[in-house]
Amino acid sequence: MSNMSCHEAKRKVYEYLGEELDDTAKQEVDGHLSGCSLCAEEFHLERTISEMIISTNPRLIQSSDFYNRISNSLRSEIE
């Protein structure tokens, strides 16, 4: 398990899903998810939702700021 807090892991979910994290940050999130079943469950839910949204409208993924917009919106709610 990493030293990353749940709050920090939740803030990085969309950057992770959008493949915007560097290898070190991704490993930190992976480490947290492997030791925190609640965050892992939330992460898998967010991944499923994102995949469903993209599968119904593939052009969304072409928007380079798709995950950034989601991430920024959720960050404001988390903080």
C-alpha atoms as a PDB file:
ATOM      1  CA  MET A   1       0.000   0.000   0.000  1.00  0.00           C
ATOM      2  CA  SER A   2       1.264   3.467  -0.820  1.00  0.00           C
ATOM      3  CA  ASN A   3       1.360   6.470   1.474  1.00  0.00           C
ATOM      4  CA  MET A   4      -1.241   8.179  -0.699  1.00  0.00           C
ATOM      5  CA  SER A   5      -4.390   9.230   1.120  1.00  0.00           C
ATOM      6  CA  CYS A   6      -7.880   8.361  -0.089  1.00  0.00           C
ATOM      7  CA  HIS A   7      -8.510  12.045  -0.763  1.00  0.00           C
ATOM      8  CA  GLU A   8      -5.429  12.294  -2.957  1.00  0.00           C
ATOM      9  CA  ALA A   9      -6.256   9.055  -4.808  1.00  0.00           C
ATOM     10  CA  LYS A  10      -9.777  10.310  -5.558  1.00  0.00           C
ATOM     11  CA  ARG A  11      -8.345  13.531  -6.948  1.00  0.00           C
ATOM     12  CA  LYS A  12      -6.195  11.565  -9.395  1.00  0.00           C
ATOM     13  CA  VAL A  13      -8.853   9.147 -10.683  1.00  0.00           C
ATOM     14  CA  TYR A  14      -9.637  11.006 -13.908  1.00  0.00           C
ATOM     15  CA  GLU A  15      -6.019  11.811 -14.636  1.00  0.00           C
ATOM     16  CA  TYR A  16      -5.366   8.088 -14.233  1.00  0.00           C
ATOM     17  CA  LEU A  17      -8.264   7.125 -16.479  1.00  0.00           C
ATOM     18  CA  GLY A  18      -7.168   9.707 -19.051  1.00  0.00           C
ATOM     19  CA  GLU A  19      -3.637   8.284 -18.967  1.00  0.00           C
ATOM     20  CA  GLU A  20      -2.276  11.659 -17.901  1.00  0.00           C
ATOM     21  CA  LEU A  21      -0.220  10.473 -14.930  1.00  0.00           C
ATOM     22  CA  ASP A  22       3.471   9.747 -15.170  1.00  0.00           C
ATOM     23  CA  ASP A  23       4.637   6.248 -14.237  1.00  0.00           C
ATOM     24  CA  THR A  24       5.511   7.209 -10.658  1.00  0.00           C
ATOM     25  CA  ALA A  25       2.123   8.789  -9.957  1.00  0.00           C
ATOM     26  CA  LYS A  26       0.340   5.861 -11.580  1.00  0.00           C
ATOM     27  CA  GLN A  27       2.270   3.416  -9.388  1.00  0.00           C
ATOM     28  CA  GLU A  28       1.319   5.429  -6.303  1.00  0.00           C
ATOM     29  CA  VAL A  29      -2.358   5.298  -7.236  1.00  0.00           C
ATOM     30  CA  ASP A  30      -2.082   1.584  -8.041  1.00  0.00           C
ATOM     31  CA  GLY A  31      -0.433   1.026  -4.664  1.00  0.00           C
ATOM     32  CA  HIS A  32      -3.224   2.837  -2.870  1.00  0.00           C
ATOM     33  CA  LEU A  33      -5.922   0.975  -4.810  1.00  0.00           C
ATOM     34  CA  SER A  34      -4.341  -2.381  -4.025  1.00  0.00           C
ATOM     35  CA  GLY A  35      -4.583  -1.668  -0.300  1.00  0.00           C
ATOM     36  CA  CYS A  36      -7.855   0.270  -0.117  1.00  0.00           C
ATOM     37  CA  SER A  37     -10.910  -1.684  -1.189  1.00  0.00           C
ATOM     38  CA  LEU A  38     -13.219   1.339  -0.915  1.00  0.00           C
ATOM     39  CA  CYS A  39     -11.120   3.436  -3.301  1.00  0.00           C
ATOM     40  CA  ALA A  40     -10.616   0.435  -5.602  1.00  0.00           C
ATOM     41  CA  GLU A  41     -14.369  -0.063  -5.782  1.00  0.00           C
ATOM     42  CA  GLU A  42     -14.942   3.625  -6.545  1.00  0.00           C
ATOM     43  CA  PHE A  43     -12.167   3.582  -9.159  1.00  0.00           C
ATOM     44  CA  HIS A  44     -13.697   0.592 -10.950  1.00  0.00           C
ATOM     45  CA  LEU A  45     -17.103   2.268 -10.892  1.00  0.00           C
ATOM     46  CA  GLU A  46     -15.651   5.453 -12.424  1.00  0.00           C
ATOM     47  CA  ARG A  47     -13.813   3.398 -15.053  1.00  0.00           C
ATOM     48  CA  THR A  48     -17.042   1.582 -15.962  1.00  0.00           C
ATOM     49  CA  ILE A  49     -18.983   4.848 -16.197  1.00  0.00           C
ATOM     50  CA  SER A  50     -16.280   6.436 -18.353  1.00  0.00           C
ATOM     51  CA  GLU A  51     -16.189   3.423 -20.665  1.00  0.00           C
ATOM     52  CA  MET A  52     -19.982   3.515 -21.010  1.00  0.00           C
ATOM     53  CA  ILE A  53     -19.978   7.232 -21.817  1.00  0.00           C
ATOM     54  CA  ILE A  54     -17.218   6.840 -24.380  1.00  0.00           C
ATOM     55  CA  SER A  55     -18.831   3.790 -25.986  1.00  0.00           C
ATOM     56  CA  THR A  56     -22.054   5.728 -26.559  1.00  0.00           C
ATOM     57  CA  ASN A  57     -20.245   8.787 -27.917  1.00  0.00           C
ATOM     58  CA  PRO A  58     -16.701   7.971 -29.099  1.00  0.00           C
ATOM     59  CA  ARG A  59     -16.107  11.579 -30.179  1.00  0.00           C
ATOM     60  CA  LEU A  60     -15.917  12.579 -26.503  1.00  0.00           C
ATOM     61  CA  ILE A  61     -12.568  10.867 -26.124  1.00  0.00           C
ATOM     62  CA  GLN A  62     -11.248  12.878 -29.057  1.00  0.00           C
ATOM     63  CA  SER A  63     -11.693  15.978 -26.950  1.00  0.00           C
ATOM     64  CA  SER A  64      -8.284  16.340 -25.321  1.00  0.00           C
ATOM     65  CA  ASP A  65      -9.754  17.944 -22.250  1.00  0.00           C
ATOM     66  CA  PHE A  66     -12.509  15.364 -21.651  1.00  0.00           C
ATOM     67  CA  TYR A  67     -10.929  13.915 -18.508  1.00  0.00           C
ATOM     68  CA  ASN A  68      -9.594  17.302 -17.418  1.00  0.00           C
ATOM     69  CA  ARG A  69     -13.077  18.790 -17.380  1.00  0.00           C
ATOM     70  CA  ILE A  70     -14.396  15.879 -15.346  1.00  0.00           C
ATOM     71  CA  SER A  71     -11.389  15.953 -13.040  1.00  0.00           C
ATOM     72  CA  ASN A  72     -11.639  19.699 -12.400  1.00  0.00           C
ATOM     73  CA  SER A  73     -15.345  19.478 -11.762  1.00  0.00           C
ATOM     74  CA  LEU A  74     -14.942  16.649  -9.257  1.00  0.00           C
ATOM     75  CA  ARG A  75     -11.954  18.250  -7.573  1.00  0.00           C
ATOM     76  CA  SER A  76     -14.082  21.261  -6.719  1.00  0.00           C
ATOM     77  CA  GLU A  77     -16.681  18.957  -5.163  1.00  0.00           C
ATOM     78  CA  ILE A  78     -14.121  16.887  -3.222  1.00  0.00           C
ATOM     79  CA  GLU A  79     -12.319  19.894  -1.798  1.00  0.00           C
END
